[in-house]
């Protein structure tokens, strides 16, 4: 099968590429800037041109897309933080993940604070999800000291505080787990 050759870099082609990329994936301004730079460098290498001749297109496209609302780091961080909590990530891991995506601290903290709309205690809810997913809580047998210690270490490596990890590990039965889950989500006991 013959490999397709890239199209020449023009403002319109780069803009089209950006639209198609954003249709498939959510991206931050930082990520999109890097993706477009790589695209320009790769295409410039193919056509033996200078990438510096096309780099100025990136800022124009990013400005246009921010104005339209297709790129919004605040919305991205709020949605990403919510998705990560539902996957069992701790507050620390969420913050690290957002920083890796190029989100500044102020916006990352705003995204994390937005979680209070959805959870009474999002870190406890996330810890319960993590414990269920990693089978840290099991009600069939009583845990010994060593097993509890291993579970505590596993929870702390995942970024959860000692209090949350201890609360989850010391659950005795499924009813207590469900009550704690209800408390973490709604604040009701």
Foldseek 3Di string as FASTA:
>chain_A
DDDDQDDADDLVVLLVVLVVVLVVDAAALVVSLVVSLVVLVVNCVVVVHDSVVRSVSSVVSSVVCVVVPSHDLLVVLLVQLVVLLLQLAALVVSQVVSVVRVDDPVSNVSSNVSCVVFWVASRLLSNLNVCVVVVLDDQPDDDDPVSLVVQQVVSVVSPHDSVSSVLNNPDRDVVSSVQSNCCGGPVHD
